Amino acid sequence: MNKIIFTVLLVISLAGCQTKSLYHWGDYSQTAHKYVVEPSEKTRLKHQEMMLDIVKKSKKKNKKVAPGIYAELGLLAMENNQAEQAISYYEQEAKNFPESKKFMNYLIEKIKELNDA
């Protein structure tokens, strides 16, 4: 009898320990994996759309945009020769995650150097 009561209490207590993420990740893992395994314009666009969707849905769900999303959007913007858009994404990443500010500022400076050359 004590084992049954203990088991029921354990199950109830563990059910209440469900973790909630601070971030909305969407289908990031699936599209990132697909893009790495099968790099093409189609998979890059799908992954980029997923990240933009993460940004949009994060706001709706009152969650933070996951770390690195804006930085990766900046990288994709640079691959498309959209320097100003990349800088905007890097600035947003630095704003959301201050620990990334030094690296994001470095990338911004490199973009500006490229544009001045």
PDB file of N, CA and C in Angstrom:
ATOM      1  N   MET A   1       0.829  -1.200   0.000  1.00  0.00           N
ATOM      2  CA  MET A   1       0.000   0.000   0.000  1.00  0.00           C
ATOM      3  C   MET A   1       0.873   1.264   0.000  1.00  0.00           C
ATOM      4  N   ASN A   2       1.938   1.257   0.809  1.00  0.00           N
ATOM      5  CA  ASN A   2       2.827   2.417   0.868  1.00  0.00           C
ATOM      6  C   ASN A   2       3.525   2.654  -0.468  1.00  0.00           C
ATOM      7  N   LYS A   3       3.853   1.554  -1.153  1.00  0.00           N
ATOM      8  CA  LYS A   3       4.502   1.687  -2.454  1.00  0.00           C
ATOM      9  C   LYS A   3       3.563   2.345  -3.467  1.00  0.00           C
ATOM     10  N   ILE A   4       2.304   2.005  -3.413  1.00  0.00           N
ATOM     11  CA  ILE A   4       1.322   2.578  -4.344  1.00  0.00           C
ATOM     12  C   ILE A   4       1.169   4.070  -4.071  1.00  0.00           C
ATOM     13  N   ILE A   5       1.046   4.444  -2.822  1.00  0.00           N
ATOM     14  CA  ILE A   5       0.898   5.856  -2.448  1.00  0.00           C
ATOM     15  C   ILE A   5       2.151   6.628  -2.862  1.00  0.00           C
ATOM     16  N   PHE A   6       3.304   6.045  -2.590  1.00  0.00           N
ATOM     17  CA  PHE A   6       4.565   6.692  -2.969  1.00  0.00           C
ATOM     18  C   PHE A   6       4.650   6.878  -4.481  1.00  0.00           C
ATOM     19  N   THR A   7       4.282   5.853  -5.242  1.00  0.00           N
ATOM     20  CA  THR A   7       4.334   5.916  -6.696  1.00  0.00           C
ATOM     21  C   THR A   7       3.386   6.983  -7.238  1.00  0.00           C
ATOM     22  N   VAL A   8       2.180   7.033  -6.706  1.00  0.00           N
ATOM     23  CA  VAL A   8       1.204   8.037  -7.149  1.00  0.00           C
ATOM     24  C   VAL A   8       1.711   9.437  -6.839  1.00  0.00           C
ATOM     25  N   LEU A   9       2.241   9.646  -5.644  1.00  0.00           N
ATOM     26  CA  LEU A   9       2.771  10.960  -5.279  1.00  0.00           C
ATOM     27  C   LEU A   9       3.970  11.340  -6.145  1.00  0.00           C
ATOM     28  N   LEU A  10       4.807  10.377  -6.454  1.00  0.00           N
ATOM     29  CA  LEU A  10       5.968  10.629  -7.299  1.00  0.00           C
ATOM     30  C   LEU A  10       5.533  11.041  -8.708  1.00  0.00           C
ATOM     31  N   VAL A  11       4.583  10.320  -9.261  1.00  0.00           N
ATOM     32  CA  VAL A  11       4.088  10.641 -10.605  1.00  0.00           C
ATOM     33  C   VAL A  11       3.452  12.030 -10.633  1.00  0.00           C
ATOM     34  N   ILE A  12       2.673  12.354  -9.632  1.00  0.00           N
ATOM     35  CA  ILE A  12       2.027  13.676  -9.565  1.00  0.00           C
ATOM     36  C   ILE A  12       3.072  14.777  -9.445  1.00  0.00           C
ATOM     37  N   SER A  13       4.068  14.554  -8.600  1.00  0.00           N
ATOM     38  CA  SER A  13       5.085  15.590  -8.414  1.00  0.00           C
ATOM     39  C   SER A  13       5.939  15.765  -9.663  1.00  0.00           C
ATOM     40  N   LEU A  14       6.248  14.685 -10.361  1.00  0.00           N
ATOM     41  CA  LEU A  14       7.041  14.800 -11.587  1.00  0.00           C
ATOM     42  C   LEU A  14       6.243  15.427 -12.713  1.00  0.00           C
ATOM     43  N   ALA A  15       4.961  15.205 -12.734  1.00  0.00           N
ATOM     44  CA  ALA A  15       4.117  15.808 -13.766  1.00  0.00           C
ATOM     45  C   ALA A  15       4.115  17.328 -13.641  1.00  0.00           C
ATOM     46  N   GLY A  16       4.291  17.824 -12.452  1.00  0.00           N
ATOM     47  CA  GLY A  16       4.323  19.261 -12.214  1.00  0.00           C
ATOM     48  C   GLY A  16       5.666  19.892 -12.523  1.00  0.00           C
ATOM     49  N   CYS A  17       6.669  19.090 -12.854  1.00  0.00           N
ATOM     50  CA  CYS A  17       8.014  19.587 -13.114  1.00  0.00           C
ATOM     51  C   CYS A  17       8.273  19.835 -14.598  1.00  0.00           C
ATOM     52  N   GLN A  18       7.262  20.011 -15.347  1.00  0.00           N
ATOM     53  CA  GLN A  18       7.400  20.255 -16.771  1.00  0.00           C
ATOM     54  C   GLN A  18       8.139  21.568 -16.989  1.00  0.00           C
ATOM     55  N   THR A  19       9.168  21.543 -17.823  1.00  0.00           N
ATOM     56  CA  THR A  19       9.944  22.761 -18.053  1.00  0.00           C
ATOM     57  C   THR A  19       9.357  23.541 -19.227  1.00  0.00           C
ATOM     58  N   LYS A  20       9.381  24.836 -19.083  1.00  0.00           N
ATOM     59  CA  LYS A  20       8.932  25.719 -20.158  1.00  0.00           C
ATOM     60  C   LYS A  20      10.166  26.445 -20.688  1.00  0.00           C
ATOM     61  N   SER A  21      10.268  26.523 -21.974  1.00  0.00           N
ATOM     62  CA  SER A  21      11.389  27.204 -22.592  1.00  0.00           C
ATOM     63  C   SER A  21      11.146  28.710 -22.583  1.00  0.00           C
ATOM     64  N   LEU A  22      12.209  29.447 -22.390  1.00  0.00           N
ATOM     65  CA  LEU A  22      12.123  30.906 -22.467  1.00  0.00           C
ATOM     66  C   LEU A  22      12.035  31.366 -23.914  1.00  0.00           C
ATOM     67  N   TYR A  23      12.433  30.473 -24.814  1.00  0.00           N
ATOM     68  CA  TYR A  23      12.553  30.823 -26.224  1.00  0.00           C
ATOM     69  C   TYR A  23      11.605  30.014 -27.085  1.00  0.00           C
ATOM     70  N   HIS A  24      11.234  30.605 -28.206  1.00  0.00           N
ATOM     71  CA  HIS A  24      10.458  29.875 -29.203  1.00  0.00           C
ATOM     72  C   HIS A  24      11.437  29.441 -30.293  1.00  0.00           C
ATOM     73  N   TRP A  25      11.535  28.129 -30.521  1.00  0.00           N
ATOM     74  CA  TRP A  25      12.481  27.597 -31.505  1.00  0.00           C
ATOM     75  C   TRP A  25      11.806  27.190 -32.806  1.00  0.00           C
ATOM     76  N   GLY A  26      10.500  27.046 -32.832  1.00  0.00           N
ATOM     77  CA  GLY A  26       9.817  26.616 -34.049  1.00  0.00           C
ATOM     78  C   GLY A  26      10.391  25.307 -34.557  1.00  0.00           C
ATOM     79  N   ASP A  27      10.559  25.203 -35.866  1.00  0.00           N
ATOM     80  CA  ASP A  27      11.155  24.017 -36.492  1.00  0.00           C
ATOM     81  C   ASP A  27      12.606  24.266 -36.872  1.00  0.00           C
ATOM     82  N   TYR A  28      13.280  25.072 -36.071  1.00  0.00           N
ATOM     83  CA  TYR A  28      14.662  25.452 -36.393  1.00  0.00           C
ATOM     84  C   TYR A  28      15.545  24.237 -36.658  1.00  0.00           C
ATOM     85  N   SER A  29      15.506  23.253 -35.786  1.00  0.00           N
ATOM     86  CA  SER A  29      16.398  22.095 -35.918  1.00  0.00           C
ATOM     87  C   SER A  29      16.194  21.372 -37.243  1.00  0.00           C
ATOM     88  N   GLN A  30      14.940  21.196 -37.625  1.00  0.00           N
ATOM     89  CA  GLN A  30      14.659  20.461 -38.856  1.00  0.00           C
ATOM     90  C   GLN A  30      15.165  21.220 -40.089  1.00  0.00           C
ATOM     91  N   THR A  31      14.871  22.522 -40.168  1.00  0.00           N
ATOM     92  CA  THR A  31      15.277  23.262 -41.358  1.00  0.00           C
ATOM     93  C   THR A  31      16.788  23.486 -41.393  1.00  0.00           C
ATOM     94  N   ALA A  32      17.402  23.674 -40.224  1.00  0.00           N
ATOM     95  CA  ALA A  32      18.861  23.842 -40.176  1.00  0.00           C
ATOM     96  C   ALA A  32      19.549  22.563 -40.634  1.00  0.00           C
ATOM     97  N   HIS A  33      19.061  21.434 -40.149  1.00  0.00           N
ATOM     98  CA  HIS A  33      19.645  20.148 -40.533  1.00  0.00           C
ATOM     99  C   HIS A  33      19.504  19.926 -42.042  1.00  0.00           C
ATOM    100  N   LYS A  34      18.337  20.198 -42.555  1.00  0.00           N
ATOM    101  CA  LYS A  34      18.084  20.007 -43.984  1.00  0.00           C
ATOM    102  C   LYS A  34      19.010  20.904 -44.813  1.00  0.00           C
ATOM    103  N   TYR A  35      19.206  22.134 -44.371  1.00  0.00           N
ATOM    104  CA  TYR A  35      20.063  23.082 -45.082  1.00  0.00           C
ATOM    105  C   TYR A  35      21.517  22.623 -45.077  1.00  0.00           C
ATOM    106  N   VAL A  36      21.965  22.052 -43.956  1.00  0.00           N
ATOM    107  CA  VAL A  36      23.351  21.577 -43.856  1.00  0.00           C
ATOM    108  C   VAL A  36      23.554  20.311 -44.692  1.00  0.00           C
ATOM    109  N   VAL A  37      22.593  19.398 -44.622  1.00  0.00           N
ATOM    110  CA  VAL A  37      22.710  18.121 -45.328  1.00  0.00           C
ATOM    111  C   VAL A  37      22.499  18.283 -46.833  1.00  0.00           C
ATOM    112  N   GLU A  38      21.555  19.136 -47.205  1.00  0.00           N
ATOM    113  CA  GLU A  38      21.234  19.346 -48.618  1.00  0.00           C
ATOM    114  C   GLU A  38      21.295  20.842 -48.949  1.00  0.00           C
ATOM    115  N   PRO A  39      22.504  21.418 -48.984  1.00  0.00           N
ATOM    116  CA  PRO A  39      22.590  22.866 -49.233  1.00  0.00           C
ATOM    117  C   PRO A  39      22.124  23.229 -50.643  1.00  0.00           C
ATOM    118  N   SER A  40      21.129  24.076 -50.688  1.00  0.00           N
ATOM    119  CA  SER A  40      20.612  24.568 -51.967  1.00  0.00           C
ATOM    120  C   SER A  40      19.877  25.875 -51.689  1.00  0.00           C
ATOM    121  N   GLU A  41      19.541  26.569 -52.741  1.00  0.00           N
ATOM    122  CA  GLU A  41      18.778  27.809 -52.596  1.00  0.00           C
ATOM    123  C   GLU A  41      17.431  27.528 -51.928  1.00  0.00           C
ATOM    124  N   LYS A  42      16.825  26.415 -52.294  1.00  0.00           N
ATOM    125  CA  LYS A  42      15.512  26.050 -51.744  1.00  0.00           C
ATOM    126  C   LYS A  42      15.597  25.805 -50.229  1.00  0.00           C
ATOM    127  N   THR A  43      16.592  25.027 -49.789  1.00  0.00           N
ATOM    128  CA  THR A  43      16.690  24.731 -48.353  1.00  0.00           C
ATOM    129  C   THR A  43      17.145  25.964 -47.573  1.00  0.00           C
ATOM    130  N   ARG A  44      17.960  26.823 -48.204  1.00  0.00           N
ATOM    131  CA  ARG A  44      18.379  28.058 -47.531  1.00  0.00           C
ATOM    132  C   ARG A  44      17.186  28.973 -47.321  1.00  0.00           C
ATOM    133  N   LEU A  45      16.367  29.117 -48.355  1.00  0.00           N
ATOM    134  CA  LEU A  45      15.179  29.968 -48.238  1.00  0.00           C
ATOM    135  C   LEU A  45      14.197  29.414 -47.212  1.00  0.00           C
ATOM    136  N   LYS A  46      14.028  28.113 -47.196  1.00  0.00           N
ATOM    137  CA  LYS A  46      13.118  27.488 -46.226  1.00  0.00           C
ATOM    138  C   LYS A  46      13.617  27.747 -44.799  1.00  0.00           C
ATOM    139  N   HIS A  47      14.930  27.604 -44.606  1.00  0.00           N
ATOM    140  CA  HIS A  47      15.501  27.840 -43.280  1.00  0.00           C
ATOM    141  C   HIS A  47      15.372  29.320 -42.893  1.00  0.00           C
ATOM    142  N   GLN A  48      15.621  30.197 -43.837  1.00  0.00           N
ATOM    143  CA  GLN A  48      15.490  31.623 -43.563  1.00  0.00           C
ATOM    144  C   GLN A  48      14.048  31.977 -43.215  1.00  0.00           C
ATOM    145  N   GLU A  49      13.108  31.426 -43.947  1.00  0.00           N
ATOM    146  CA  GLU A  49      11.691  31.661 -43.653  1.00  0.00           C
ATOM    147  C   GLU A  49      11.331  31.154 -42.264  1.00  0.00           C
ATOM    148  N   MET A  50      11.890  29.999 -41.880  1.00  0.00           N
ATOM    149  CA  MET A  50      11.628  29.452 -40.544  1.00  0.00           C
ATOM    150  C   MET A  50      12.133  30.408 -39.471  1.00  0.00           C
ATOM    151  N   MET A  51      13.330  30.956 -39.669  1.00  0.00           N
ATOM    152  CA  MET A  51      13.874  31.874 -38.662  1.00  0.00           C
ATOM    153  C   MET A  51      13.054  33.156 -38.582  1.00  0.00           C
ATOM    154  N   LEU A  52      12.601  33.661 -39.707  1.00  0.00           N
ATOM    155  CA  LEU A  52      11.739  34.848 -39.688  1.00  0.00           C
ATOM    156  C   LEU A  52      10.409  34.535 -39.004  1.00  0.00           C
ATOM    157  N   ASP A  53       9.920  33.323 -39.202  1.00  0.00           N
ATOM    158  CA  ASP A  53       8.696  32.878 -38.534  1.00  0.00           C
ATOM    159  C   ASP A  53       8.915  32.769 -37.021  1.00  0.00           C
ATOM    160  N   ILE A  54      10.095  32.322 -36.617  1.00  0.00           N
ATOM    161  CA  ILE A  54      10.436  32.245 -35.191  1.00  0.00           C
ATOM    162  C   ILE A  54      10.374  33.635 -34.576  1.00  0.00           C
ATOM    163  N   VAL A  55      10.931  34.620 -35.268  1.00  0.00           N
ATOM    164  CA  VAL A  55      10.913  36.003 -34.772  1.00  0.00           C
ATOM    165  C   VAL A  55       9.470  36.475 -34.609  1.00  0.00           C
ATOM    166  N   LYS A  56       8.673  36.235 -35.629  1.00  0.00           N
ATOM    167  CA  LYS A  56       7.272  36.676 -35.610  1.00  0.00           C
ATOM    168  C   LYS A  56       6.482  35.985 -34.497  1.00  0.00           C
ATOM    169  N   LYS A  57       6.602  34.666 -34.404  1.00  0.00           N
ATOM    170  CA  LYS A  57       5.825  33.918 -33.413  1.00  0.00           C
ATOM    171  C   LYS A  57       6.328  34.131 -31.990  1.00  0.00           C
ATOM    172  N   SER A  58       7.603  34.416 -31.839  1.00  0.00           N
ATOM    173  CA  SER A  58       8.138  34.695 -30.498  1.00  0.00           C
ATOM    174  C   SER A  58       7.429  35.885 -29.880  1.00  0.00           C
ATOM    175  N   LYS A  59       7.218  36.900 -30.679  1.00  0.00           N
ATOM    176  CA  LYS A  59       6.535  38.097 -30.193  1.00  0.00           C
ATOM    177  C   LYS A  59       5.095  37.775 -29.816  1.00  0.00           C
ATOM    178  N   LYS A  60       4.428  36.978 -30.651  1.00  0.00           N
ATOM    179  CA  LYS A  60       3.038  36.611 -30.369  1.00  0.00           C
ATOM    180  C   LYS A  60       2.923  35.761 -29.109  1.00  0.00           C
ATOM    181  N   LYS A  61       3.913  34.898 -28.872  1.00  0.00           N
ATOM    182  CA  LYS A  61       3.875  33.984 -27.727  1.00  0.00           C
ATOM    183  C   LYS A  61       4.512  34.588 -26.483  1.00  0.00           C
ATOM    184  N   ASN A  62       4.934  35.854 -26.585  1.00  0.00           N
ATOM    185  CA  ASN A  62       5.578  36.527 -25.459  1.00  0.00           C
ATOM    186  C   ASN A  62       6.833  35.793 -24.986  1.00  0.00           C
ATOM    187  N   LYS A  63       7.596  35.291 -25.947  1.00  0.00           N
ATOM    188  CA  LYS A  63       8.851  34.611 -25.643  1.00  0.00           C
ATOM    189  C   LYS A  63       9.976  35.348 -26.338  1.00  0.00           C
ATOM    190  N   LYS A  64      11.181  35.124 -25.857  1.00  0.00           N
ATOM    191  CA  LYS A  64      12.345  35.724 -26.487  1.00  0.00           C
ATOM    192  C   LYS A  64      12.691  34.967 -27.760  1.00  0.00           C
ATOM    193  N   VAL A  65      13.237  35.692 -28.721  1.00  0.00           N
ATOM    194  CA  VAL A  65      13.781  35.042 -29.908  1.00  0.00           C
ATOM    195  C   VAL A  65      14.996  34.243 -29.438  1.00  0.00           C
ATOM    196  N   ALA A  66      15.100  33.024 -29.898  1.00  0.00           N
ATOM    197  CA  ALA A  66      16.173  32.133 -29.443  1.00  0.00           C
ATOM    198  C   ALA A  66      17.551  32.712 -29.776  1.00  0.00           C
ATOM    199  N   PRO A  67      18.541  32.411 -28.934  1.00  0.00           N
ATOM    200  CA  PRO A  67      19.898  32.917 -29.170  1.00  0.00           C
ATOM    201  C   PRO A  67      20.428  32.466 -30.531  1.00  0.00           C
ATOM    202  N   GLY A  68      21.043  33.394 -31.236  1.00  0.00           N
ATOM    203  CA  GLY A  68      21.680  33.075 -32.498  1.00  0.00           C
ATOM    204  C   GLY A  68      20.794  33.232 -33.719  1.00  0.00           C
ATOM    205  N   ILE A  69      19.495  33.364 -33.514  1.00  0.00           N
ATOM    206  CA  ILE A  69      18.588  33.472 -34.667  1.00  0.00           C
ATOM    207  C   ILE A  69      18.882  34.745 -35.458  1.00  0.00           C
ATOM    208  N   TYR A  70      18.960  35.882 -34.774  1.00  0.00           N
ATOM    209  CA  TYR A  70      19.254  37.131 -35.482  1.00  0.00           C
ATOM    210  C   TYR A  70      20.654  37.094 -36.099  1.00  0.00           C
ATOM    211  N   ALA A  71      21.607  36.491 -35.406  1.00  0.00           N
ATOM    212  CA  ALA A  71      22.964  36.394 -35.945  1.00  0.00           C
ATOM    213  C   ALA A  71      22.981  35.562 -37.224  1.00  0.00           C
ATOM    214  N   GLU A  72      22.262  34.462 -37.226  1.00  0.00           N
ATOM    215  CA  GLU A  72      22.220  33.628 -38.425  1.00  0.00           C
ATOM    216  C   GLU A  72      21.467  34.324 -39.557  1.00  0.00           C
ATOM    217  N   LEU A  73      20.416  35.057 -39.231  1.00  0.00           N
ATOM    218  CA  LEU A  73      19.729  35.848 -40.255  1.00  0.00           C
ATOM    219  C   LEU A  73      20.689  36.880 -40.849  1.00  0.00           C
ATOM    220  N   GLY A  74      21.543  37.450 -40.000  1.00  0.00           N
ATOM    221  CA  GLY A  74      22.555  38.392 -40.478  1.00  0.00           C
ATOM    222  C   GLY A  74      23.532  37.730 -41.430  1.00  0.00           C
ATOM    223  N   LEU A  75      23.940  36.527 -41.109  1.00  0.00           N
ATOM    224  CA  LEU A  75      24.850  35.783 -41.977  1.00  0.00           C
ATOM    225  C   LEU A  75      24.200  35.532 -43.342  1.00  0.00           C
ATOM    226  N   LEU A  76      22.952  35.100 -43.321  1.00  0.00           N
ATOM    227  CA  LEU A  76      22.248  34.850 -44.582  1.00  0.00           C
ATOM    228  C   LEU A  76      22.064  36.144 -45.376  1.00  0.00           C
ATOM    229  N   ALA A  77      21.831  37.253 -44.673  1.00  0.00           N
ATOM    230  CA  ALA A  77      21.708  38.546 -45.349  1.00  0.00           C
ATOM    231  C   ALA A  77      23.028  38.912 -46.029  1.00  0.00           C
ATOM    232  N   MET A  78      24.136  38.663 -45.359  1.00  0.00           N
ATOM    233  CA  MET A  78      25.442  38.952 -45.959  1.00  0.00           C
ATOM    234  C   MET A  78      25.680  38.083 -47.184  1.00  0.00           C
ATOM    235  N   GLU A  79      25.246  36.836 -47.133  1.00  0.00           N
ATOM    236  CA  GLU A  79      25.393  35.955 -48.289  1.00  0.00           C
ATOM    237  C   GLU A  79      24.605  36.477 -49.486  1.00  0.00           C
ATOM    238  N   ASN A  80      23.571  37.273 -49.217  1.00  0.00           N
ATOM    239  CA  ASN A  80      22.752  37.874 -50.280  1.00  0.00           C
ATOM    240  C   ASN A  80      23.143  39.327 -50.567  1.00  0.00           C
ATOM    241  N   ASN A  81      24.324  39.730 -50.068  1.00  0.00           N
ATOM    242  CA  ASN A  81      24.826  41.100 -50.268  1.00  0.00           C
ATOM    243  C   ASN A  81      23.878  42.161 -49.726  1.00  0.00           C
ATOM    244  N   GLN A  82      23.239  41.864 -48.616  1.00  0.00           N
ATOM    245  CA  GLN A  82      22.341  42.812 -47.950  1.00  0.00           C
ATOM    246  C   GLN A  82      23.006  43.281 -46.655  1.00  0.00           C
ATOM    247  N   ALA A  83      24.032  44.112 -46.818  1.00  0.00           N
ATOM    248  CA  ALA A  83      24.855  44.534 -45.686  1.00  0.00           C
ATOM    249  C   ALA A  83      24.061  45.276 -44.617  1.00  0.00           C
ATOM    250  N   GLU A  84      23.214  46.206 -45.031  1.00  0.00           N
ATOM    251  CA  GLU A  84      22.448  46.981 -44.046  1.00  0.00           C
ATOM    252  C   GLU A  84      21.500  46.085 -43.246  1.00  0.00           C
ATOM    253  N   GLN A  85      20.882  45.127 -43.926  1.00  0.00           N
ATOM    254  CA  GLN A  85      19.996  44.184 -43.242  1.00  0.00           C
ATOM    255  C   GLN A  85      20.794  43.324 -42.261  1.00  0.00           C
ATOM    256  N   ALA A  86      21.978  42.903 -42.668  1.00  0.00           N
ATOM    257  CA  ALA A  86      22.843  42.096 -41.796  1.00  0.00           C
ATOM    258  C   ALA A  86      23.208  42.879 -40.540  1.00  0.00           C
ATOM    259  N   ILE A  87      23.580  44.125 -40.726  1.00  0.00           N
ATOM    260  CA  ILE A  87      23.928  44.970 -39.572  1.00  0.00           C
ATOM    261  C   ILE A  87      22.743  45.087 -38.630  1.00  0.00           C
ATOM    262  N   SER A  88      21.567  45.273 -39.176  1.00  0.00           N
ATOM    263  CA  SER A  88      20.359  45.371 -38.350  1.00  0.00           C
ATOM    264  C   SER A  88      20.137  44.094 -37.530  1.00  0.00           C
ATOM    265  N   TYR A  89      20.306  42.953 -38.167  1.00  0.00           N
ATOM    266  CA  TYR A  89      20.156  41.678 -37.446  1.00  0.00           C
ATOM    267  C   TYR A  89      21.229  41.525 -36.372  1.00  0.00           C
ATOM    268  N   TYR A  90      22.464  41.884 -36.694  1.00  0.00           N
ATOM    269  CA  TYR A  90      23.547  41.761 -35.709  1.00  0.00           C
ATOM    270  C   TYR A  90      23.303  42.691 -34.515  1.00  0.00           C
ATOM    271  N   GLU A  91      22.803  43.881 -34.785  1.00  0.00           N
ATOM    272  CA  GLU A  91      22.485  44.811 -33.692  1.00  0.00           C
ATOM    273  C   GLU A  91      21.378  44.240 -32.803  1.00  0.00           C
ATOM    274  N   GLN A  92      20.388  43.612 -33.427  1.00  0.00           N
ATOM    275  CA  GLN A  92      19.287  43.021 -32.658  1.00  0.00           C
ATOM    276  C   GLN A  92      19.788  41.859 -31.805  1.00  0.00           C
ATOM    277  N   GLU A  93      20.685  41.053 -32.355  1.00  0.00           N
ATOM    278  CA  GLU A  93      21.269  39.938 -31.590  1.00  0.00           C
ATOM    279  C   GLU A  93      22.024  40.474 -30.377  1.00  0.00           C
ATOM    280  N   ALA A  94      22.813  41.529 -30.581  1.00  0.00           N
ATOM    281  CA  ALA A  94      23.571  42.131 -29.475  1.00  0.00           C
ATOM    282  C   ALA A  94      22.647  42.725 -28.420  1.00  0.00           C
ATOM    283  N   LYS A  95      21.550  43.306 -28.862  1.00  0.00           N
ATOM    284  CA  LYS A  95      20.580  43.884 -27.926  1.00  0.00           C
ATOM    285  C   LYS A  95      19.914  42.794 -27.087  1.00  0.00           C
ATOM    286  N   ASN A  96      19.513  41.704 -27.738  1.00  0.00           N
ATOM    287  CA  ASN A  96      18.832  40.619 -27.028  1.00  0.00           C
ATOM    288  C   ASN A  96      19.769  39.806 -26.149  1.00  0.00           C
ATOM    289  N   PHE A  97      21.012  39.682 -26.571  1.00  0.00           N
ATOM    290  CA  PHE A  97      21.981  38.857 -25.841  1.00  0.00           C
ATOM    291  C   PHE A  97      23.278  39.639 -25.682  1.00  0.00           C
ATOM    292  N   PRO A  98      23.368  40.462 -24.631  1.00  0.00           N
ATOM    293  CA  PRO A  98      24.524  41.335 -24.432  1.00  0.00           C
ATOM    294  C   PRO A  98      25.871  40.600 -24.440  1.00  0.00           C
ATOM    295  N   GLU A  99      25.862  39.334 -24.094  1.00  0.00           N
ATOM    296  CA  GLU A  99      27.121  38.585 -24.097  1.00  0.00           C
ATOM    297  C   GLU A  99      27.666  38.405 -25.517  1.00  0.00           C
ATOM    298  N   SER A 100      26.818  38.616 -26.518  1.00  0.00           N
ATOM    299  CA  SER A 100      27.255  38.483 -27.913  1.00  0.00           C
ATOM    300  C   SER A 100      27.690  39.831 -28.508  1.00  0.00           C
ATOM    301  N   LYS A 101      27.552  40.889 -27.739  1.00  0.00           N
ATOM    302  CA  LYS A 101      27.765  42.231 -28.273  1.00  0.00           C
ATOM    303  C   LYS A 101      29.159  42.432 -28.866  1.00  0.00           C
ATOM    304  N   LYS A 102      30.173  41.947 -28.200  1.00  0.00           N
ATOM    305  CA  LYS A 102      31.542  42.138 -28.690  1.00  0.00           C
ATOM    306  C   LYS A 102      31.707  41.477 -30.066  1.00  0.00           C
ATOM    307  N   PHE A 103      31.225  40.267 -30.214  1.00  0.00           N
ATOM    308  CA  PHE A 103      31.343  39.562 -31.490  1.00  0.00           C
ATOM    309  C   PHE A 103      30.474  40.207 -32.560  1.00  0.00           C
ATOM    310  N   MET A 104      29.253  40.595 -32.199  1.00  0.00           N
ATOM    311  CA  MET A 104      28.371  41.238 -33.171  1.00  0.00           C
ATOM    312  C   MET A 104      28.969  42.561 -33.641  1.00  0.00           C
ATOM    313  N   ASN A 105      29.545  43.328 -32.734  1.00  0.00           N
ATOM    314  CA  ASN A 105      30.195  44.591 -33.109  1.00  0.00           C
ATOM    315  C   ASN A 105      31.383  44.340 -34.041  1.00  0.00           C
ATOM    316  N   TYR A 106      32.110  43.265 -33.788  1.00  0.00           N
ATOM    317  CA  TYR A 106      33.229  42.885 -34.656  1.00  0.00           C
ATOM    318  C   TYR A 106      32.713  42.617 -36.075  1.00  0.00           C
ATOM    319  N   LEU A 107      31.626  41.850 -36.184  1.00  0.00           N
ATOM    320  CA  LEU A 107      31.062  41.548 -37.496  1.00  0.00           C
ATOM    321  C   LEU A 107      30.571  42.814 -38.193  1.00  0.00           C
ATOM    322  N   ILE A 108      29.946  43.702 -37.434  1.00  0.00           N
ATOM    323  CA  ILE A 108      29.457  44.967 -37.996  1.00  0.00           C
ATOM    324  C   ILE A 108      30.627  45.791 -38.539  1.00  0.00           C
ATOM    325  N   GLU A 109      31.706  45.855 -37.770  1.00  0.00           N
ATOM    326  CA  GLU A 109      32.891  46.602 -38.220  1.00  0.00           C
ATOM    327  C   GLU A 109      33.466  45.994 -39.495  1.00  0.00           C
ATOM    328  N   LYS A 110      33.502  44.680 -39.591  1.00  0.00           N
ATOM    329  CA  LYS A 110      34.010  44.016 -40.803  1.00  0.00           C
ATOM    330  C   LYS A 110      33.126  44.343 -42.011  1.00  0.00           C
ATOM    331  N   ILE A 111      31.824  44.378 -41.802  1.00  0.00           N
ATOM    332  CA  ILE A 111      30.917  44.735 -42.899  1.00  0.00           C
ATOM    333  C   ILE A 111      31.185  46.158 -43.357  1.00  0.00           C
ATOM    334  N   LYS A 112      31.358  47.058 -42.413  1.00  0.00           N
ATOM    335  CA  LYS A 112      31.608  48.464 -42.751  1.00  0.00           C
ATOM    336  C   LYS A 112      32.943  48.608 -43.484  1.00  0.00           C
ATOM    337  N   GLU A 113      33.949  47.842 -43.071  1.00  0.00           N
ATOM    338  CA  GLU A 113      35.239  47.863 -43.753  1.00  0.00           C
ATOM    339  C   GLU A 113      35.087  47.390 -45.199  1.00  0.00           C
ATOM    340  N   LEU A 114      34.312  46.339 -45.393  1.00  0.00           N
ATOM    341  CA  LEU A 114      34.078  45.815 -46.746  1.00  0.00           C
ATOM    342  C   LEU A 114      33.365  46.841 -47.622  1.00  0.00           C
ATOM    343  N   ASN A 115      32.416  47.541 -47.027  1.00  0.00           N
ATOM    344  CA  ASN A 115      31.647  48.542 -47.787  1.00  0.00           C
ATOM    345  C   ASN A 115      32.480  49.767 -48.110  1.00  0.00           C
ATOM    346  N   ASP A 116      33.468  50.088 -47.257  1.00  0.00           N
ATOM    347  CA  ASP A 116      34.334  51.232 -47.494  1.00  0.00           C
ATOM    348  C   ASP A 116      35.411  50.926 -48.528  1.00  0.00           C
ATOM    349  N   ALA A 117      35.716  49.656 -48.708  1.00  0.00           N
ATOM    350  CA  ALA A 117      36.805  49.270 -49.623  1.00  0.00           C
ATOM    351  C   ALA A 117      36.430  49.394 -51.076  1.00  0.00           C
TER     352      ALA A 117
END
